[in-house]
Amino acid sequence: MLTAHLSRRSLWRVVGACLTAGVVMWGCAPHESPQPQQPLADVSRRLATMEECIGRSQGAVNAAAAAGVSAGALAPANSSIADVQDAMDEVKKLAQQGKQQEAAERTTKGLEECNKIDAMVAKARQDTADRKVRAQMTSEAETRVAWTVTCIDGARKAIGGTSVAGVKTAALTTALSALDRAETALQQGRELLGQSDPKGAIERLETAQADCQTARDAADKAAAAKGKSAAPTARPRRGN
């Protein structure tokens, strides 16, 4: 009987010691303090900032559209504006539910998204301007191709005409060399135009035009020199 009584007493001592240790450990363990709620006034201020950002961004989109930027190019910016508007609606709901901290965090993300819209609009404007310049340069390159082809055909005929007139090939070396360079540059210009490099094409076609003109001038000069050498020398008249 005494043994059983001692066993119970020992058991309660052990249980008491465990409980005491548990309470001590629980008291020493770090406890996360509740996050302070963001003041409602701060959330309202951020909402007002988001509204201003959306208005500014929408104005930039409208100005870009009026300047000729296509709807497709402005689609990313318009999509972002819609996302920010949705974020504003979400923030208002969170604030009504008393979740000011979550609402404040969402406004921060929304403002970050909104502040990227100006860059999107600027890129759309620049891309549109680049396309216009490229289109103008492509048109100019095509015009130069046509002009150079006409020039080269004329140079060939001029050189051929001088050969028929008896001008030796040695006298046409400059004309033939320039014509060969013009044909090569014309081919390179066409290839660059086909590779969507109108700027490079124009540079090569300018060279082709200059070489073609050199060939024409050299052929005309050789023909003129041949004409002078073939002209009969006038004999002086004898007096009666």
Protein backbone atom coordinates (compact mmCIF):
# COMPACT_ATOMS: atom_id res chain seq x y z
CA MET A 1 0.00 0.00 0.00
CA LEU A 2 2.81 2.33 0.88
CA THR A 3 4.58 1.44 -2.32
CA ALA A 4 1.54 2.31 -4.42
CA HIS A 5 1.20 5.59 -2.60
CA LEU A 6 4.83 6.46 -3.25
CA SER A 7 4.47 5.54 -6.91
CA ARG A 8 1.54 7.89 -7.35
CA ARG A 9 3.42 10.64 -5.58
CA SER A 10 6.44 10.12 -7.83
CA LEU A 11 4.24 10.13 -10.88
CA TRP A 12 2.62 13.43 -9.93
CA ARG A 13 6.04 14.93 -9.25
CA VAL A 14 7.18 13.93 -12.74
CA VAL A 15 4.01 15.27 -14.33
CA GLY A 16 4.32 18.52 -12.37
CA ALA A 17 7.92 18.92 -13.39
CA CYS A 18 7.02 18.41 -17.07
CA LEU A 19 4.21 20.92 -16.87
CA THR A 20 6.46 23.45 -15.21
CA ALA A 21 9.16 22.94 -17.86
CA GLY A 22 6.56 23.28 -20.62
CA VAL A 23 5.25 26.54 -19.20
CA VAL A 24 8.76 27.92 -18.89
CA MET A 25 9.69 26.89 -22.42
CA TRP A 26 6.45 28.35 -23.82
CA GLY A 27 7.10 31.59 -22.04
CA CYS A 28 10.64 31.79 -23.44
CA ALA A 29 9.68 30.91 -27.00
CA PRO A 30 9.52 33.89 -29.37
CA HIS A 31 6.03 34.99 -30.23
CA GLU A 32 5.21 36.84 -33.43
CA SER A 33 3.57 40.10 -32.59
CA PRO A 34 0.54 40.92 -34.71
CA GLN A 35 1.26 43.13 -37.70
CA PRO A 36 0.09 46.66 -37.13
CA GLN A 37 -2.74 47.67 -39.38
CA GLN A 38 -2.03 50.32 -41.98
CA PRO A 39 -4.03 53.49 -41.27
CA LEU A 40 -7.06 53.83 -43.50
CA ALA A 41 -6.02 57.37 -44.39
CA ASP A 42 -2.76 56.04 -45.88
CA VAL A 43 -4.65 53.53 -48.02
CA SER A 44 -6.92 56.32 -49.24
CA ARG A 45 -3.90 58.44 -50.13
CA ARG A 46 -2.39 55.59 -52.13
CA LEU A 47 -5.65 55.03 -53.93
CA ALA A 48 -5.68 58.67 -54.95
CA THR A 49 -2.12 58.31 -56.27
CA MET A 50 -3.17 55.28 -58.31
CA GLU A 51 -6.06 57.23 -59.81
CA GLU A 52 -3.69 60.03 -60.79
CA CYS A 53 -1.31 57.54 -62.35
CA ILE A 54 -4.10 55.90 -64.36
CA GLY A 55 -5.30 59.28 -65.60
CA ARG A 56 -1.78 60.26 -66.65
CA SER A 57 -1.20 56.93 -68.37
CA GLN A 58 -4.52 57.06 -70.20
CA GLY A 59 -3.67 60.56 -71.40
CA ALA A 60 -0.32 59.32 -72.73
CA VAL A 61 -2.04 56.47 -74.58
CA ASN A 62 -4.61 58.84 -76.11
CA ALA A 63 -1.87 61.25 -77.24
CA ALA A 64 0.10 58.41 -78.82
CA ALA A 65 -2.99 57.15 -80.64
CA ALA A 66 -3.66 60.67 -81.95
CA ALA A 67 -0.05 60.79 -83.20
CA GLY A 68 -0.63 57.70 -85.31
CA VAL A 69 0.47 54.87 -83.03
CA SER A 70 -1.62 51.80 -83.83
CA ALA A 71 -3.98 50.12 -81.38
CA GLY A 72 -1.90 46.96 -81.60
CA ALA A 73 1.23 48.79 -80.50
CA LEU A 74 -0.65 50.34 -77.57
CA ALA A 75 -2.33 47.10 -76.53
CA PRO A 76 0.21 46.28 -73.75
CA ALA A 77 -0.25 49.73 -72.21
CA ASN A 78 -4.06 49.50 -72.34
CA SER A 79 -3.91 46.03 -70.78
CA SER A 80 -1.77 47.33 -67.92
CA ILE A 81 -4.18 50.21 -67.31
CA ALA A 82 -7.03 47.71 -67.03
CA ASP A 83 -4.96 45.62 -64.56
CA VAL A 84 -4.29 48.66 -62.38
CA GLN A 85 -7.99 49.56 -62.40
CA ASP A 86 -8.79 46.02 -61.26
CA ALA A 87 -6.19 46.41 -58.51
CA MET A 88 -7.93 49.58 -57.34
CA ASP A 89 -11.23 47.73 -57.07
CA GLU A 90 -9.51 45.00 -55.09
CA VAL A 91 -7.93 47.55 -52.73
CA LYS A 92 -11.31 49.16 -52.05
CA LYS A 93 -12.81 45.79 -51.15
CA LEU A 94 -9.93 44.95 -48.82
CA ALA A 95 -10.27 48.33 -47.11
CA GLN A 96 -14.00 47.81 -46.61
CA GLN A 97 -13.23 44.45 -45.00
CA GLY A 98 -10.85 46.14 -42.58
CA LYS A 99 -7.76 44.60 -44.19
CA GLN A 100 -5.82 47.84 -44.44
CA GLN A 101 -2.41 46.16 -44.43
CA GLU A 102 -3.27 43.93 -47.38
CA ALA A 103 -4.87 46.87 -49.12
CA ALA A 104 -1.71 48.96 -48.69
CA GLU A 105 0.48 46.17 -50.06
CA ARG A 106 -1.79 45.82 -53.09
CA THR A 107 -1.64 49.55 -53.78
CA THR A 108 2.15 49.37 -53.74
CA LYS A 109 2.12 46.66 -56.40
CA GLY A 110 -0.50 48.51 -58.39
CA LEU A 111 1.57 51.69 -58.41
CA GLU A 112 4.64 49.75 -59.54
CA GLU A 113 2.64 48.36 -62.46
CA CYS A 114 1.19 51.77 -63.31
CA ASN A 115 4.57 53.48 -63.31
CA LYS A 116 5.73 51.12 -66.07
CA ILE A 117 2.99 52.24 -68.47
CA ASP A 118 4.74 55.46 -69.52
CA ALA A 119 7.72 53.43 -70.69
CA MET A 120 5.40 51.14 -72.66
CA VAL A 121 3.82 54.11 -74.43
CA ALA A 122 7.23 55.63 -75.17
CA LYS A 123 8.39 52.36 -76.69
CA ALA A 124 5.26 52.12 -78.83
CA ARG A 125 5.88 55.66 -80.10
CA GLN A 126 9.53 54.91 -80.89
CA ASP A 127 8.69 51.64 -82.66
CA THR A 128 6.11 53.44 -84.78
CA ALA A 129 8.59 56.18 -85.67
CA ASP A 130 11.21 53.58 -86.58
CA ARG A 131 8.74 51.78 -88.84
CA LYS A 132 7.86 55.02 -90.63
CA VAL A 133 11.53 55.83 -91.21
CA ARG A 134 12.17 52.30 -92.45
CA ALA A 135 9.22 52.53 -94.84
CA GLN A 136 10.49 55.85 -96.21
CA MET A 137 14.00 54.47 -96.63
CA THR A 138 12.65 51.36 -98.35
CA SER A 139 10.71 53.52 -100.79
CA GLU A 140 13.83 55.61 -101.48
CA ALA A 141 15.92 52.47 -102.02
CA GLU A 142 13.39 51.07 -104.50
CA THR A 143 13.46 54.37 -106.41
CA ARG A 144 17.25 54.30 -106.51
CA VAL A 145 17.19 50.72 -107.80
CA ALA A 146 14.99 51.76 -110.72
CA TRP A 147 17.14 54.81 -111.47
CA THR A 148 20.38 52.77 -111.33
CA VAL A 149 19.00 50.09 -113.64
CA THR A 150 18.09 52.77 -116.18
CA CYS A 151 21.52 54.36 -115.84
CA ILE A 152 23.35 51.07 -116.30
CA ASP A 153 21.31 50.20 -119.38
CA GLY A 154 22.18 53.60 -120.83
CA ALA A 155 25.87 53.16 -120.01
CA ARG A 156 25.94 49.77 -121.74
CA LYS A 157 24.40 51.25 -124.87
CA ALA A 158 26.83 54.17 -124.83
CA ILE A 159 29.82 51.85 -124.50
CA GLY A 160 28.45 49.58 -127.20
CA GLY A 161 27.98 52.57 -129.49
CA THR A 162 31.56 53.68 -129.07
CA SER A 163 32.77 50.16 -129.90
CA VAL A 164 30.77 50.21 -133.13
CA ALA A 165 32.25 53.59 -133.92
CA GLY A 166 35.72 52.08 -133.70
CA VAL A 167 36.80 53.10 -130.24
CA LYS A 168 39.35 50.59 -129.02
CA THR A 169 38.75 48.60 -125.86
CA ALA A 170 41.84 50.11 -124.24
CA ALA A 171 40.23 53.53 -124.49
CA LEU A 172 37.11 52.19 -122.77
CA THR A 173 38.92 50.68 -119.77
CA THR A 174 37.71 53.36 -117.38
CA ALA A 175 34.13 53.11 -118.63
CA LEU A 176 34.04 49.31 -118.50
CA SER A 177 35.59 49.19 -115.01
CA ALA A 178 33.11 51.74 -113.65
CA LEU A 179 30.21 49.88 -115.27
CA ASP A 180 31.32 46.61 -113.63
CA ARG A 181 31.48 48.30 -110.21
CA ALA A 182 28.03 49.81 -110.73
CA GLU A 183 26.51 46.43 -111.58
CA THR A 184 28.11 44.84 -108.50
CA ALA A 185 26.90 47.61 -106.19
CA LEU A 186 23.40 47.37 -107.70
CA GLN A 187 23.28 43.64 -106.95
CA GLN A 188 24.48 44.22 -103.38
CA GLY A 189 21.90 46.96 -102.89
CA ARG A 190 19.11 44.65 -104.03
CA GLU A 191 20.29 41.93 -101.64
CA LEU A 192 20.39 44.33 -98.68
CA LEU A 193 16.91 45.57 -99.55
CA GLY A 194 15.69 41.98 -99.57
CA GLN A 195 17.26 41.52 -96.12
CA SER A 196 15.21 44.47 -94.74
CA ASP A 197 18.25 46.73 -94.56
CA PRO A 198 17.14 49.77 -96.58
CA LYS A 199 19.82 51.99 -95.07
CA GLY A 200 22.59 49.69 -96.23
CA ALA A 201 20.87 49.31 -99.60
CA ILE A 202 20.76 53.08 -100.12
CA GLU A 203 24.47 53.37 -99.36
CA ARG A 204 25.34 50.72 -101.95
CA LEU A 205 22.96 52.18 -104.52
CA GLU A 206 24.49 55.62 -104.09
CA THR A 207 27.84 54.06 -104.98
CA ALA A 208 26.25 52.26 -107.94
CA GLN A 209 24.79 55.53 -109.24
CA ALA A 210 28.15 57.31 -108.96
CA ASP A 211 30.00 54.49 -110.75
CA CYS A 212 27.32 54.36 -113.45
CA GLN A 213 27.65 58.07 -114.09
CA THR A 214 31.43 57.65 -114.28
CA ALA A 215 30.94 54.93 -116.91
CA ARG A 216 28.64 57.17 -118.96
CA ASP A 217 31.03 60.10 -118.80
CA ALA A 218 34.04 57.92 -119.71
CA ALA A 219 32.19 56.44 -122.69
CA ASP A 220 31.18 59.89 -123.92
CA LYS A 221 34.75 61.14 -123.50
CA ALA A 222 36.17 58.19 -125.46
CA ALA A 223 33.63 58.75 -128.24
CA ALA A 224 34.48 62.44 -128.41
CA ALA A 225 38.19 61.68 -128.59
CA LYS A 226 37.58 59.21 -131.41
CA GLY A 227 35.53 61.80 -133.28
CA LYS A 228 38.31 64.36 -133.09
CA SER A 229 40.93 61.93 -134.32
CA ALA A 230 38.73 60.85 -137.23
CA ALA A 231 37.87 64.36 -138.40
CA PRO A 232 39.69 65.29 -141.67
CA THR A 233 42.31 68.01 -141.47
CA ALA A 234 41.32 71.08 -143.46
CA ARG A 235 43.80 71.95 -146.26
CA PRO A 236 44.62 75.58 -146.99
CA ARG A 237 43.38 76.90 -150.32
CA ARG A 238 45.88 77.77 -153.02
CA GLY A 239 45.82 81.23 -154.40
CA ASN A 240 44.92 81.72 -158.10
